[in-house]
Amino acid sequence: MVAATTTAVALHQSARSPLSLPTGAPPTTTTKCAVAYQVRSTWDTGAAVALAITNNGTVPIHGWSLRFDLETGLKVQAGWNGTWRQDGRHVTIEAAG
């Protein structure tokens, strides 16, 4: 069983307005996985964010994916430990390899 997968992302905001990231816990679901994020650092037009995907179940999960929307104007500049795609505000991360 994979207990947790940690992935990281660098976000970039094209405008020079203050970067705004959501706070608080993500909505709860009935799935056997949990997703948490932590803002590691911020700068004028970006941030580094760590995401942790944890399998709370008893069966290994293969081929996972995570989908979420960013605020308008935010773009994924780089991502690690997964395959990242962005289409407008929609971001998809899939298990690497």
Foldseek 3Di string as FASTA:
>chain_A
DDFKFKKKFKKFFPDQQADDDDDDADDDDPAQKGKDKDFPDADRTITMMMIMIGRNDDDDDPWDKDKDFDPQRMDTPDMPQFDWDDDGRIIMTIGDD
